[in-house]
């Protein structure tokens, strides 16, 4: 029987793929008997119900008048060290290099070398922050001083090495879905609120940042809706939302587009769709696409970043070059007008999500990494998921 661990987890607790993955991983580890301590400025939004093995430690920032900006990073590092010592943590698992891995490095100096640190790179810390020359050395330090580093796609590993000259090992640990939560839901009654029986539903879910190219989503839908009765559901909020609303009005599509805002039960919402649109300029993994796959919904997207590692072109969706609105629209029309093809892709999506990206497999991979950095012999086979 492998030793049960005491693990501190720090992530961005609000909406976002990295926070979702970190929180879900913590819950799964707790189910396996590990003691999980979330150390963040607020309770992670996906944390959900009480669990005897999960604890939350709030990071409070002292707003002293001498500070122009409240020093959250220092407060976080101090809290990490405090929790590590009081709870006798085995390791800290932090999501994002900046600031969390830097804070973990400082906390380790205070708590002692017995505390190990694992850093998971999710994308923005590399694809955006590492482009800033003033932050490169800091990110490089955070990665090099971690006892283990993981990344959510092979593409992200490649970019990390190229941008930062990192030669240390980086473990590939894909994002995952909990098969008990993500599966095709029966939404027949709800679907009628958004589309007529003969209409198809296209969907886009994101934080509406420029990198998501939501304008392309609207252009793709406009082309599809000209040839096929359809509706578009937009899920989420973000800085581009007002601009997108204006674009929809200018194109006369108001009656064909529904804004659903932020939604917590993603599996229920995605199950409404016939296809998900993900034309991002950059996507380190594409968690939304995986969630859609698990619910039997194919993706039409760009072949950017880690998306091709997730979406198999012609099997679980279709991929086109970034900005190829015409190509994506044609693929969407092809998929939505061929019931046999759509059903074949639906089954392929469910199979791939449940066998290659399921919670049991990825959680076991993380456990193996933890035991490795702690020097613990763990006599446990790597769990795999069966359908």
Protein backbone atom coordinates (compact mmCIF):
# COMPACT_ATOMS: atom_id res chain seq x y z
CA UNK A 1 0.00 0.00 0.00
CA UNK A 2 1.53 3.30 -1.10
CA UNK A 3 1.93 6.04 1.50
CA UNK A 4 -0.86 8.60 1.69
CA UNK A 5 0.51 12.08 1.16
CA UNK A 6 -0.17 15.56 2.49
CA UNK A 7 -0.28 17.85 -0.53
CA UNK A 8 -0.62 21.62 -0.76
CA UNK A 9 -2.23 22.90 -3.98
CA UNK A 10 -2.11 26.49 -5.21
CA UNK A 11 -3.93 27.67 -8.31
CA UNK A 12 -6.00 30.54 -9.61
CA UNK A 13 -9.31 29.73 -7.88
CA UNK A 14 -11.63 31.61 -10.22
CA UNK A 15 -12.85 30.60 -13.69
CA UNK A 16 -10.17 29.22 -15.98
CA UNK A 17 -8.88 25.89 -17.20
CA UNK A 18 -5.90 25.69 -14.86
CA UNK A 19 -8.04 26.31 -11.78
CA UNK A 20 -10.56 23.72 -12.92
CA UNK A 21 -7.88 21.07 -13.46
CA UNK A 22 -6.09 21.84 -10.19
CA UNK A 23 -9.29 21.69 -8.17
CA UNK A 24 -10.58 18.53 -9.81
CA UNK A 25 -7.19 16.88 -9.32
CA UNK A 26 -7.26 17.78 -5.63
CA UNK A 27 -10.71 16.26 -5.24
CA UNK A 28 -9.64 13.05 -6.98
CA UNK A 29 -6.50 12.77 -4.85
CA UNK A 30 -8.60 13.26 -1.72
CA UNK A 31 -10.83 10.38 -2.84
CA UNK A 32 -7.72 8.22 -2.95
CA UNK A 33 -6.98 9.02 0.67
CA UNK A 34 -4.45 11.82 0.30
CA UNK A 35 -4.81 14.93 2.47
CA UNK A 36 -5.25 18.01 0.29
CA UNK A 37 -4.67 21.60 1.40
CA UNK A 38 -5.73 24.35 -1.03
CA UNK A 39 -3.73 27.52 -0.41
CA UNK A 40 -5.29 30.40 -2.37
CA UNK A 41 -6.90 33.80 -1.92
CA UNK A 42 -10.42 32.36 -2.21
CA UNK A 43 -12.14 28.98 -2.29
CA UNK A 44 -11.74 27.37 -5.73
CA UNK A 45 -15.08 27.65 -7.50
CA UNK A 46 -15.13 23.96 -8.48
CA UNK A 47 -14.38 22.71 -4.97
CA UNK A 48 -18.01 21.85 -4.27
CA UNK A 49 -19.16 19.87 -1.25
CA UNK A 50 -17.39 19.01 1.99
CA UNK A 51 -14.78 16.27 1.92
CA UNK A 52 -12.99 15.06 5.03
CA UNK A 53 -9.60 15.04 3.28
CA UNK A 54 -9.80 18.56 1.80
CA UNK A 55 -8.85 21.76 3.62
CA UNK A 56 -8.76 25.40 2.54
CA UNK A 57 -6.25 27.99 3.76
CA UNK A 58 -7.03 31.57 2.77
CA UNK A 59 -4.21 33.90 1.81
CA UNK A 60 -4.87 37.28 3.36
CA UNK A 61 -3.03 40.32 2.08
CA UNK A 62 -2.05 43.01 4.57
CA UNK A 63 -2.67 46.36 2.94
CA UNK A 64 -0.05 48.39 4.80
CA UNK A 65 -0.02 52.07 3.90
CA UNK A 66 3.68 51.88 2.98
CA UNK A 67 2.92 49.51 0.10
CA UNK A 68 1.70 51.06 -3.13
CA UNK A 69 0.39 47.64 -4.17
CA UNK A 70 -0.67 44.90 -1.72
CA UNK A 71 2.13 42.25 -1.79
CA UNK A 72 0.03 39.17 -2.59
CA UNK A 73 2.99 37.08 -3.76
CA UNK A 74 4.86 37.54 -0.48
CA UNK A 75 1.72 36.80 1.52
CA UNK A 76 1.18 33.63 -0.53
CA UNK A 77 4.76 32.44 -0.03
CA UNK A 78 4.49 33.06 3.70
CA UNK A 79 1.17 31.19 3.89
CA UNK A 80 2.59 28.28 1.92
CA UNK A 81 5.49 27.95 4.36
CA UNK A 82 3.18 28.30 7.36
CA UNK A 83 0.79 25.60 6.15
CA UNK A 84 3.67 23.34 5.13
CA UNK A 85 5.16 23.46 8.61
CA UNK A 86 1.91 23.31 10.60
CA UNK A 87 0.35 20.53 8.53
CA UNK A 88 3.64 18.73 7.81
CA UNK A 89 3.06 18.75 4.06
CA UNK A 90 5.04 16.40 1.87
CA UNK A 91 4.93 18.68 -1.15
CA UNK A 92 3.44 21.72 -2.81
CA UNK A 93 1.82 21.31 -6.23
CA UNK A 94 1.50 24.71 -7.86
CA UNK A 95 -0.23 25.56 -11.11
CA UNK A 96 1.47 28.30 -13.15
CA UNK A 97 5.12 29.26 -12.89
CA UNK A 98 4.42 32.91 -12.08
CA UNK A 99 3.74 33.72 -9.40
CA UNK A 100 2.94 30.36 -7.82
CA UNK A 101 6.15 28.43 -8.50
CA UNK A 102 8.21 31.44 -7.44
CA UNK A 103 6.23 31.62 -4.20
CA UNK A 104 6.73 27.87 -3.68
CA UNK A 105 10.47 28.34 -4.11
CA UNK A 106 10.49 31.03 -1.40
CA UNK A 107 8.26 28.89 0.85
CA UNK A 108 10.67 25.97 0.47
CA UNK A 109 13.53 28.14 1.72
CA UNK A 110 11.50 28.96 4.82
CA UNK A 111 10.06 25.48 5.44
CA UNK A 112 13.19 23.48 4.69
CA UNK A 113 14.42 21.19 1.93
CA UNK A 114 12.18 18.37 3.14
CA UNK A 115 9.35 20.15 1.35
CA UNK A 116 9.21 19.27 -2.34
CA UNK A 117 7.62 21.33 -5.11
CA UNK A 118 5.87 20.27 -8.31
CA UNK A 119 4.99 22.90 -10.93
CA UNK A 120 2.40 22.42 -13.67
CA UNK A 121 2.64 24.69 -16.70
CA UNK A 122 -0.73 25.43 -18.26
CA UNK A 123 0.14 27.82 -21.05
CA UNK A 124 -0.22 31.51 -20.29
CA UNK A 125 2.82 31.43 -18.02
CA UNK A 126 4.83 30.39 -21.10
CA UNK A 127 2.94 31.57 -24.18
CA UNK A 128 2.38 35.09 -22.84
CA UNK A 129 4.47 35.85 -19.75
CA UNK A 130 7.65 34.16 -20.98
CA UNK A 131 7.58 36.43 -24.04
CA UNK A 132 8.29 39.33 -21.67
CA UNK A 133 12.06 39.70 -21.33
CA UNK A 134 11.66 41.19 -17.85
CA UNK A 135 10.02 37.98 -16.61
CA UNK A 136 12.02 35.32 -18.44
CA UNK A 137 14.71 34.90 -15.79
CA UNK A 138 12.08 34.68 -13.04
CA UNK A 139 10.10 32.01 -14.87
CA UNK A 140 13.29 30.09 -15.67
CA UNK A 141 14.27 30.18 -11.99
CA UNK A 142 10.82 28.95 -10.93
CA UNK A 143 10.99 26.02 -13.34
CA UNK A 144 14.59 25.05 -12.65
CA UNK A 145 14.12 25.14 -8.87
CA UNK A 146 11.04 22.90 -8.94
CA UNK A 147 11.58 19.27 -7.99
CA UNK A 148 9.37 18.25 -10.90
CA UNK A 149 7.73 20.13 -13.75
CA UNK A 150 4.74 18.99 -15.77
CA UNK A 151 3.03 20.51 -18.81
CA UNK A 152 -0.40 19.87 -20.30
CA UNK A 153 0.72 19.25 -23.89
CA UNK A 154 3.73 18.30 -25.92
CA UNK A 155 3.47 21.58 -27.78
CA UNK A 156 3.76 23.49 -24.50
CA UNK A 157 6.84 21.49 -23.54
CA UNK A 158 8.43 22.32 -26.88
CA UNK A 159 7.66 26.02 -26.53
CA UNK A 160 8.95 26.10 -22.94
CA UNK A 161 12.28 24.63 -24.02
CA UNK A 162 12.61 27.01 -26.97
CA UNK A 163 11.70 30.20 -25.09
CA UNK A 164 13.55 29.55 -21.84
CA UNK A 165 16.36 27.16 -22.81
CA UNK A 166 15.08 24.64 -20.28
CA UNK A 167 16.93 21.33 -20.42
CA UNK A 168 15.55 19.72 -17.25
CA UNK A 169 12.94 16.96 -17.69
CA UNK A 170 9.32 18.05 -18.12
CA UNK A 171 6.62 15.42 -17.64
CA UNK A 172 3.74 15.40 -20.11
CA UNK A 173 0.51 15.16 -18.11
CA UNK A 174 -2.54 15.96 -20.18
CA UNK A 175 -5.62 17.60 -18.74
CA UNK A 176 -8.45 15.21 -17.95
CA UNK A 177 -12.17 14.84 -17.43
CA UNK A 178 -13.98 12.98 -14.68
CA UNK A 179 -16.01 10.35 -16.52
CA UNK A 180 -18.58 10.40 -13.72
CA UNK A 181 -19.35 14.04 -14.52
CA UNK A 182 -18.66 14.42 -18.23
CA UNK A 183 -20.90 12.21 -20.33
CA UNK A 184 -23.73 12.89 -22.81
CA UNK A 185 -26.65 14.31 -20.84
CA UNK A 186 -30.30 14.00 -21.75
CA UNK A 187 -31.15 17.60 -22.61
CA UNK A 188 -34.04 17.03 -24.99
CA UNK A 189 -36.44 19.13 -22.90
CA UNK A 190 -33.95 21.96 -22.45
CA UNK A 191 -32.83 22.07 -26.08
CA UNK A 192 -36.21 23.41 -27.20
CA UNK A 193 -35.53 26.64 -25.30
CA UNK A 194 -32.74 27.49 -27.73
CA UNK A 195 -33.47 25.84 -31.06
CA UNK A 196 -36.30 24.34 -33.08
CA UNK A 197 -36.22 20.56 -33.67
CA UNK A 198 -34.89 21.01 -37.22
CA UNK A 199 -32.13 23.44 -36.21
CA UNK A 200 -28.54 22.56 -35.34
CA UNK A 201 -26.72 24.10 -32.35
CA UNK A 202 -23.16 25.39 -32.58
CA UNK A 203 -21.43 26.41 -29.37
CA UNK A 204 -18.39 28.37 -28.22
CA UNK A 205 -17.14 28.45 -24.62
CA UNK A 206 -14.28 30.67 -23.51
CA UNK A 207 -13.11 33.65 -21.48
CA UNK A 208 -13.62 35.86 -24.56
CA UNK A 209 -10.04 37.05 -24.85
CA UNK A 210 -8.58 38.10 -28.24
CA UNK A 211 -6.54 34.88 -28.45
CA UNK A 212 -9.80 32.90 -28.63
CA UNK A 213 -10.73 34.64 -31.92
CA UNK A 214 -14.41 34.81 -31.04
CA UNK A 215 -14.91 37.05 -34.06
CA UNK A 216 -14.03 34.02 -36.18
CA UNK A 217 -16.69 32.05 -34.31
CA UNK A 218 -19.30 34.58 -35.43
CA UNK A 219 -18.04 34.55 -39.02
CA UNK A 220 -18.09 30.73 -39.13
CA UNK A 221 -21.60 30.65 -37.74
CA UNK A 222 -22.81 33.31 -40.17
CA UNK A 223 -21.65 31.19 -43.11
CA UNK A 224 -23.16 28.01 -41.68
CA UNK A 225 -26.49 29.66 -40.84
CA UNK A 226 -26.85 30.94 -44.41
CA UNK A 227 -26.97 27.35 -45.65
CA UNK A 228 -28.32 25.46 -42.65
CA UNK A 229 -31.01 26.26 -40.02
CA UNK A 230 -28.95 26.73 -36.88
CA UNK A 231 -28.39 28.61 -33.65
CA UNK A 232 -25.22 29.69 -31.83
CA UNK A 233 -24.79 29.49 -28.07
CA UNK A 234 -22.01 31.61 -26.55
CA UNK A 235 -20.94 30.59 -23.05
CA UNK A 236 -18.67 32.66 -20.81
CA UNK A 237 -17.65 36.26 -20.33
CA UNK A 238 -14.56 38.35 -20.96
CA UNK A 239 -13.04 41.51 -22.43
CA UNK A 240 -14.17 40.82 -26.02
CA UNK A 241 -17.82 40.23 -25.13
CA UNK A 242 -19.08 43.76 -25.85
CA UNK A 243 -17.22 43.83 -29.16
CA UNK A 244 -18.76 40.48 -30.12
CA UNK A 245 -22.25 41.68 -29.22
CA UNK A 246 -21.78 44.66 -31.53
CA UNK A 247 -20.54 42.40 -34.33
CA UNK A 248 -23.58 40.15 -33.97
CA UNK A 249 -25.94 43.15 -34.16
CA UNK A 250 -24.15 44.60 -37.18
CA UNK A 251 -24.51 41.26 -39.00
CA UNK A 252 -28.19 40.95 -38.12
CA UNK A 253 -27.71 37.71 -36.20
CA UNK A 254 -29.35 38.72 -32.89
CA UNK A 255 -32.23 36.25 -33.28
CA UNK A 256 -29.85 33.36 -33.97
CA UNK A 257 -27.39 33.83 -31.07
CA UNK A 258 -27.96 33.14 -27.37
CA UNK A 259 -25.61 34.42 -24.65
CA UNK A 260 -25.55 32.04 -21.70
CA UNK A 261 -22.89 33.81 -19.61
CA UNK A 262 -20.79 31.80 -17.17
CA UNK A 263 -22.09 28.32 -16.44
CA UNK A 264 -21.02 25.90 -13.72
CA UNK A 265 -22.59 22.67 -15.01
CA UNK A 266 -20.54 22.58 -18.19
CA UNK A 267 -21.45 19.01 -19.11
CA UNK A 268 -25.15 19.87 -19.12
CA UNK A 269 -24.54 22.93 -21.30
CA UNK A 270 -22.19 21.25 -23.78
CA UNK A 271 -24.64 18.39 -24.26
CA UNK A 272 -26.96 20.89 -25.95
CA UNK A 273 -24.50 21.34 -28.82
CA UNK A 274 -24.06 19.48 -32.08
CA UNK A 275 -20.60 20.93 -32.55
CA UNK A 276 -18.16 23.10 -30.57
CA UNK A 277 -16.15 25.84 -32.29
CA UNK A 278 -12.57 26.44 -31.09
CA UNK A 279 -10.74 28.62 -33.66
CA UNK A 280 -8.16 29.87 -31.14
CA UNK A 281 -4.93 31.56 -32.17
CA UNK A 282 -3.15 29.75 -29.35
CA UNK A 283 -4.36 26.94 -27.11
CA UNK A 284 -1.93 25.02 -24.94
CA UNK A 285 -4.42 22.18 -24.56
CA UNK A 286 -8.08 23.08 -25.14
CA UNK A 287 -9.92 21.82 -22.07
CA UNK A 288 -13.30 22.88 -23.48
CA UNK A 289 -12.74 20.60 -26.45
CA UNK A 290 -11.99 17.67 -24.13
CA UNK A 291 -15.10 18.37 -22.06
CA UNK A 292 -17.09 18.44 -25.29
CA UNK A 293 -15.53 15.18 -26.50
CA UNK A 294 -16.51 13.45 -23.28
CA UNK A 295 -20.09 14.57 -23.88
CA UNK A 296 -20.00 13.28 -27.44
CA UNK A 297 -19.67 16.65 -29.16
CA UNK A 298 -17.06 16.99 -31.95
CA UNK A 299 -14.86 20.08 -32.29
CA UNK A 300 -14.25 22.27 -35.31
CA UNK A 301 -11.12 24.23 -34.53
CA UNK A 302 -7.70 25.53 -35.46
CA UNK A 303 -4.60 23.36 -35.65
CA UNK A 304 -2.88 25.61 -33.11
CA UNK A 305 -0.84 24.67 -30.05
CA UNK A 306 -1.93 21.50 -28.32
CA UNK A 307 -5.32 21.18 -30.04
CA UNK A 308 -4.06 18.58 -32.59
CA UNK A 309 -2.89 16.41 -29.68
CA UNK A 310 -6.48 16.34 -28.46
CA UNK A 311 -8.65 16.53 -31.58
CA UNK A 312 -7.89 13.87 -34.17
CA UNK A 313 -8.67 15.42 -37.56
CA UNK A 314 -11.37 13.46 -39.35
CA UNK A 315 -12.09 11.24 -36.34
CA UNK A 316 -13.14 13.40 -33.38
CA UNK A 317 -13.47 16.68 -35.22
CA UNK A 318 -11.95 18.78 -37.98
CA UNK A 319 -8.99 21.19 -37.87
CA UNK A 320 -8.04 24.08 -40.16
CA UNK A 321 -5.28 26.71 -40.15
CA UNK A 322 -5.74 29.69 -37.84
CA UNK A 323 -8.13 32.20 -39.41
CA UNK A 324 -9.47 29.79 -42.04
CA UNK A 325 -13.09 30.74 -41.44
CA UNK A 326 -14.24 29.34 -44.80
CA UNK A 327 -12.64 25.98 -44.17
CA UNK A 328 -14.06 25.66 -40.66
CA UNK A 329 -17.52 26.63 -41.90
CA UNK A 330 -17.38 23.96 -44.60
CA UNK A 331 -16.28 21.34 -42.08
CA UNK A 332 -19.11 22.35 -39.75
CA UNK A 333 -21.64 22.11 -42.56
CA UNK A 334 -20.28 18.72 -43.61
CA UNK A 335 -20.57 17.39 -40.08
CA UNK A 336 -24.01 18.86 -39.40
CA UNK A 337 -25.59 17.58 -42.61
CA UNK A 338 -24.31 14.00 -42.39
CA UNK A 339 -26.02 12.19 -39.52
CA UNK A 340 -23.98 9.01 -39.98
CA UNK A 341 -20.70 10.94 -39.86
CA UNK A 342 -21.83 12.92 -36.82
CA UNK A 343 -22.83 9.77 -34.95
CA UNK A 344 -19.53 8.09 -35.84
CA UNK A 345 -17.58 11.09 -34.54
CA UNK A 346 -19.73 11.28 -31.44
CA UNK A 347 -18.86 7.71 -30.49
CA UNK A 348 -15.17 8.28 -31.29
CA UNK A 349 -15.16 11.38 -29.08
CA UNK A 350 -16.64 9.53 -26.11
CA UNK A 351 -14.25 6.60 -26.54
CA UNK A 352 -11.13 8.78 -26.77
CA UNK A 353 -12.06 11.00 -23.84
CA UNK A 354 -12.85 8.05 -21.59
CA UNK A 355 -9.80 5.97 -22.47
CA UNK A 356 -7.00 8.48 -23.09
CA UNK A 357 -7.90 11.55 -21.02
CA UNK A 358 -9.85 10.14 -18.10
CA UNK A 359 -9.41 11.00 -14.44
CA UNK A 360 -8.01 7.64 -13.29
CA UNK A 361 -5.12 7.62 -15.75
CA UNK A 362 -3.98 11.22 -15.24
CA UNK A 363 -4.40 11.15 -11.45
CA UNK A 364 -2.18 8.06 -11.32
CA UNK A 365 0.43 9.86 -13.41
CA UNK A 366 0.52 12.73 -10.92
CA UNK A 367 0.76 10.29 -8.01
CA UNK A 368 3.75 8.63 -9.66
CA UNK A 369 5.45 12.03 -10.02
CA UNK A 370 4.81 12.84 -6.35
CA UNK A 371 6.30 9.56 -5.16
CA UNK A 372 9.27 9.99 -7.47
CA UNK A 373 10.24 13.43 -6.13
CA UNK A 374 9.77 12.19 -2.57
CA UNK A 375 11.92 9.12 -3.21
CA UNK A 376 9.13 6.78 -2.16
CA UNK A 377 8.80 3.32 -3.61
CA UNK A 378 5.20 3.04 -4.71
CA UNK A 379 4.08 -0.47 -5.53
CA UNK A 380 1.08 0.51 -7.59
CA UNK A 381 0.26 -0.13 -11.25
CA UNK A 382 -0.67 2.87 -13.38
CA UNK A 383 -4.45 3.03 -13.45
CA UNK A 384 -6.14 3.08 -16.83
CA UNK A 385 -9.69 3.82 -17.80
CA UNK A 386 -12.02 1.41 -19.46
CA UNK A 387 -15.22 2.48 -21.12
